[in-house]
Structures are given as structure tokens and as C-alpha cells.
Amino acid sequence: MSDYTPVRNPSLTGQPRYQVADVLPSQQQPSILDWLEASGRLLARETNESEDSSDEEITELMLAEDNSYQEEEETEESMD
């Protein structure tokens, strides 16, 4: 006495495992990029000088030598 009732879902279909699958029809919808261009919502990215300078600042920080940890070690040794 099971209370199982099969659920009918027309979105799901069953196909035998070794049968060749049907080809899905292509949807003739434009891509999101095409839609943005057609609707005028796609805006060109403006380059800011601040972005370029931040890249330079990051490069400078990466190349700079940080000796602050050596100074901390020296002060700790002198306190002992």
C-alpha cells in the first residue's frame, strides 16, 4: 500500500538510453550582447587616468623593498 502518485511534468520526457536523441530546435533569440547594442544600453568603457596611475602605484609597491621588519627585530633585540 504505497501512497506514491506519479507526478506528470510535461517538461520532462523519457528516451531509451541507446536511441539517438532528437535535435533541439535553435532559439532565434539574440544574444545579450546583441540586445544591449540594439537597445543602446551598451556603453563604451571610459579610461580613467586614475586607473592607469593605480597600476603604476601597485607596481612601485611591489618593487619597493620593505625593511620595516628588520627595524622591528633590531628594536626587540635592543630591549632584551
N, C-alpha and C. Protein backbone atom coordinates (compact mmCIF):
# COMPACT_ATOMS: atom_id res chain seq x y z
N MET A 1 0.82 -1.19 0.00
CA MET A 1 0.00 0.00 0.00
C MET A 1 0.86 1.26 0.00
N SER A 2 1.35 1.60 -1.12
CA SER A 2 2.16 2.80 -1.18
C SER A 2 1.30 3.99 -1.56
N ASP A 3 1.68 5.14 -1.08
CA ASP A 3 0.96 6.37 -1.36
C ASP A 3 1.61 7.13 -2.50
N TYR A 4 2.42 6.45 -3.28
CA TYR A 4 3.14 7.10 -4.38
C TYR A 4 2.20 7.38 -5.53
N THR A 5 2.16 8.64 -5.94
CA THR A 5 1.39 9.04 -7.11
C THR A 5 2.36 9.68 -8.08
N PRO A 6 2.48 9.15 -9.30
CA PRO A 6 3.42 9.76 -10.24
C PRO A 6 3.03 11.19 -10.57
N VAL A 7 4.01 12.02 -10.65
CA VAL A 7 3.79 13.43 -10.96
C VAL A 7 3.94 13.60 -12.46
N ARG A 8 2.99 14.25 -13.06
CA ARG A 8 3.05 14.49 -14.50
C ARG A 8 3.71 15.83 -14.76
N ASN A 9 4.84 15.79 -15.41
CA ASN A 9 5.56 17.01 -15.76
C ASN A 9 5.82 16.98 -17.26
N PRO A 10 5.12 17.82 -18.02
CA PRO A 10 5.29 17.78 -19.48
C PRO A 10 6.67 18.27 -19.94
N SER A 11 7.44 18.90 -19.07
CA SER A 11 8.78 19.35 -19.44
C SER A 11 9.76 18.20 -19.51
N LEU A 12 9.47 17.14 -18.79
CA LEU A 12 10.37 16.00 -18.74
C LEU A 12 9.86 14.91 -19.66
N THR A 13 10.74 14.39 -20.45
CA THR A 13 10.39 13.27 -21.32
C THR A 13 11.43 12.18 -21.14
N GLY A 14 11.03 10.96 -21.43
CA GLY A 14 11.95 9.84 -21.32
C GLY A 14 12.30 9.31 -22.70
N GLN A 15 13.56 8.99 -22.89
CA GLN A 15 14.04 8.40 -24.14
C GLN A 15 14.84 7.16 -23.78
N PRO A 16 14.75 6.12 -24.59
CA PRO A 16 15.60 4.95 -24.33
C PRO A 16 17.07 5.35 -24.41
N ARG A 17 17.89 4.71 -23.60
CA ARG A 17 19.29 5.08 -23.46
C ARG A 17 20.06 5.02 -24.78
N TYR A 18 19.84 4.03 -25.58
CA TYR A 18 20.63 3.85 -26.79
C TYR A 18 19.97 4.41 -28.04
N GLN A 19 18.89 5.14 -27.87
CA GLN A 19 18.25 5.78 -29.02
C GLN A 19 18.90 7.14 -29.25
N VAL A 20 19.07 7.50 -30.52
CA VAL A 20 19.66 8.79 -30.85
C VAL A 20 18.69 9.88 -30.40
N ALA A 21 19.24 10.87 -29.73
CA ALA A 21 18.41 11.94 -29.20
C ALA A 21 17.94 12.86 -30.31
N ASP A 22 16.75 13.43 -30.10
CA ASP A 22 16.23 14.40 -31.05
C ASP A 22 17.05 15.69 -30.95
N VAL A 23 17.20 16.37 -32.07
CA VAL A 23 17.93 17.63 -32.09
C VAL A 23 17.00 18.74 -31.62
N LEU A 24 17.46 19.51 -30.69
CA LEU A 24 16.65 20.61 -30.17
C LEU A 24 16.63 21.75 -31.19
N PRO A 25 15.49 22.34 -31.42
CA PRO A 25 15.44 23.46 -32.36
C PRO A 25 16.19 24.66 -31.77
N SER A 26 16.88 25.37 -32.62
CA SER A 26 17.63 26.53 -32.11
C SER A 26 16.66 27.66 -31.83
N GLN A 27 16.95 28.37 -30.80
CA GLN A 27 16.12 29.51 -30.44
C GLN A 27 16.67 30.73 -31.16
N GLN A 28 15.83 31.41 -31.83
CA GLN A 28 16.25 32.57 -32.62
C GLN A 28 16.24 33.85 -31.79
N GLN A 29 16.72 33.74 -30.59
CA GLN A 29 16.80 34.91 -29.73
C GLN A 29 18.19 35.53 -29.86
N PRO A 30 18.25 36.86 -29.85
CA PRO A 30 19.57 37.49 -29.93
C PRO A 30 20.34 37.27 -28.62
N SER A 31 21.64 37.35 -28.71
CA SER A 31 22.45 37.22 -27.50
C SER A 31 22.27 38.47 -26.66
N ILE A 32 22.68 38.39 -25.43
CA ILE A 32 22.56 39.54 -24.53
C ILE A 32 23.38 40.71 -25.04
N LEU A 33 24.53 40.42 -25.65
CA LEU A 33 25.37 41.49 -26.18
C LEU A 33 24.67 42.18 -27.34
N ASP A 34 24.08 41.40 -28.24
CA ASP A 34 23.34 41.99 -29.36
C ASP A 34 22.17 42.83 -28.86
N TRP A 35 21.47 42.33 -27.84
CA TRP A 35 20.33 43.06 -27.29
C TRP A 35 20.79 44.38 -26.67
N LEU A 36 21.90 44.36 -25.94
CA LEU A 36 22.40 45.60 -25.32
C LEU A 36 22.80 46.61 -26.39
N GLU A 37 23.45 46.15 -27.44
CA GLU A 37 23.84 47.06 -28.52
C GLU A 37 22.62 47.64 -29.22
N ALA A 38 21.62 46.81 -29.50
CA ALA A 38 20.43 47.26 -30.22
C ALA A 38 19.60 48.22 -29.38
N SER A 39 19.58 48.02 -28.07
CA SER A 39 18.77 48.89 -27.21
C SER A 39 19.52 50.14 -26.77
N GLY A 40 20.78 50.26 -27.15
CA GLY A 40 21.55 51.44 -26.78
C GLY A 40 22.03 51.43 -25.34
N ARG A 41 21.98 50.28 -24.72
CA ARG A 41 22.38 50.19 -23.30
C ARG A 41 23.83 49.79 -23.12
N LEU A 42 24.49 49.42 -24.21
CA LEU A 42 25.89 49.05 -24.13
C LEU A 42 26.73 50.31 -24.26
N LEU A 43 27.45 50.63 -23.23
CA LEU A 43 28.26 51.85 -23.21
C LEU A 43 29.73 51.49 -23.29
N ALA A 44 30.44 52.30 -24.03
CA ALA A 44 31.89 52.08 -24.13
C ALA A 44 32.53 52.43 -22.79
N ARG A 45 33.52 51.68 -22.41
CA ARG A 45 34.21 51.93 -21.14
C ARG A 45 35.12 53.12 -21.31
N GLU A 46 35.01 54.04 -20.39
CA GLU A 46 35.87 55.21 -20.43
C GLU A 46 37.13 54.89 -19.64
N THR A 47 38.26 55.26 -20.21
CA THR A 47 39.50 55.02 -19.48
C THR A 47 39.78 56.23 -18.61
N ASN A 48 40.09 55.95 -17.39
CA ASN A 48 40.42 57.00 -16.43
C ASN A 48 41.91 57.01 -16.20
N GLU A 49 42.44 58.18 -16.04
CA GLU A 49 43.87 58.27 -15.74
C GLU A 49 44.15 57.69 -14.36
N SER A 50 43.16 57.71 -13.48
CA SER A 50 43.37 57.19 -12.13
C SER A 50 43.60 55.69 -12.16
N GLU A 51 42.95 54.98 -13.09
CA GLU A 51 43.18 53.54 -13.21
C GLU A 51 44.61 53.26 -13.64
N ASP A 52 45.11 54.05 -14.58
CA ASP A 52 46.48 53.86 -15.04
C ASP A 52 47.47 54.17 -13.93
N SER A 53 47.20 55.21 -13.16
CA SER A 53 48.13 55.58 -12.10
C SER A 53 48.09 54.55 -10.97
N SER A 54 46.93 53.95 -10.73
CA SER A 54 46.87 52.95 -9.67
C SER A 54 47.69 51.72 -10.06
N ASP A 55 47.71 51.38 -11.34
CA ASP A 55 48.55 50.27 -11.79
C ASP A 55 50.02 50.59 -11.55
N GLU A 56 50.40 51.83 -11.82
CA GLU A 56 51.78 52.23 -11.60
C GLU A 56 52.12 52.20 -10.11
N GLU A 57 51.18 52.65 -9.27
CA GLU A 57 51.42 52.64 -7.83
C GLU A 57 51.59 51.21 -7.32
N ILE A 58 50.79 50.30 -7.81
CA ILE A 58 50.89 48.91 -7.39
C ILE A 58 52.24 48.34 -7.80
N THR A 59 52.67 48.65 -9.02
CA THR A 59 53.96 48.17 -9.49
C THR A 59 55.08 48.73 -8.61
N GLU A 60 54.99 50.00 -8.25
CA GLU A 60 56.01 50.60 -7.38
C GLU A 60 56.04 49.92 -6.02
N LEU A 61 54.86 49.63 -5.48
CA LEU A 61 54.81 48.97 -4.18
C LEU A 61 55.39 47.56 -4.24
N MET A 62 55.15 46.89 -5.34
CA MET A 62 55.66 45.53 -5.48
C MET A 62 57.18 45.52 -5.62
N LEU A 63 57.72 46.54 -6.26
CA LEU A 63 59.15 46.59 -6.48
C LEU A 63 59.91 47.18 -5.29
N ALA A 64 59.23 47.93 -4.46
CA ALA A 64 59.89 48.60 -3.33
C ALA A 64 60.33 47.56 -2.30
N GLU A 65 61.48 47.83 -1.69
CA GLU A 65 61.97 46.94 -0.64
C GLU A 65 61.40 47.39 0.69
N ASP A 66 60.87 46.45 1.42
CA ASP A 66 60.28 46.75 2.72
C ASP A 66 61.22 46.23 3.80
N ASN A 67 61.89 47.13 4.46
CA ASN A 67 62.83 46.76 5.52
C ASN A 67 62.27 47.02 6.90
N SER A 68 60.99 47.29 7.01
CA SER A 68 60.41 47.63 8.31
C SER A 68 60.50 46.46 9.29
N TYR A 69 60.43 45.24 8.80
CA TYR A 69 60.52 44.10 9.71
C TYR A 69 61.91 44.00 10.33
N GLN A 70 62.95 44.43 9.61
CA GLN A 70 64.30 44.40 10.16
C GLN A 70 64.43 45.41 11.28
N GLU A 71 63.82 46.56 11.12
CA GLU A 71 63.88 47.58 12.17
C GLU A 71 63.19 47.08 13.43
N GLU A 72 62.06 46.36 13.29
CA GLU A 72 61.35 45.84 14.45
C GLU A 72 62.19 44.79 15.17
N GLU A 73 62.89 43.95 14.44
CA GLU A 73 63.75 42.94 15.05
C GLU A 73 64.88 43.60 15.83
N GLU A 74 65.45 44.65 15.27
CA GLU A 74 66.55 45.33 15.93
C GLU A 74 66.09 45.99 17.22
N THR A 75 64.91 46.59 17.22
CA THR A 75 64.42 47.24 18.45
C THR A 75 64.08 46.20 19.51
N GLU A 76 63.56 45.03 19.11
CA GLU A 76 63.25 43.98 20.08
C GLU A 76 64.54 43.44 20.71
N GLU A 77 65.61 43.30 19.90
CA GLU A 77 66.87 42.80 20.42
C GLU A 77 67.49 43.80 21.38
N SER A 78 67.35 45.08 21.10
CA SER A 78 67.94 46.09 21.98
C SER A 78 67.18 46.19 23.30
N MET A 79 65.92 45.79 23.31
CA MET A 79 65.13 45.84 24.55
C MET A 79 65.52 44.70 25.47
N ASP A 80 66.04 43.60 24.94
CA ASP A 80 66.38 42.44 25.77
C ASP A 80 67.59 42.66 26.57
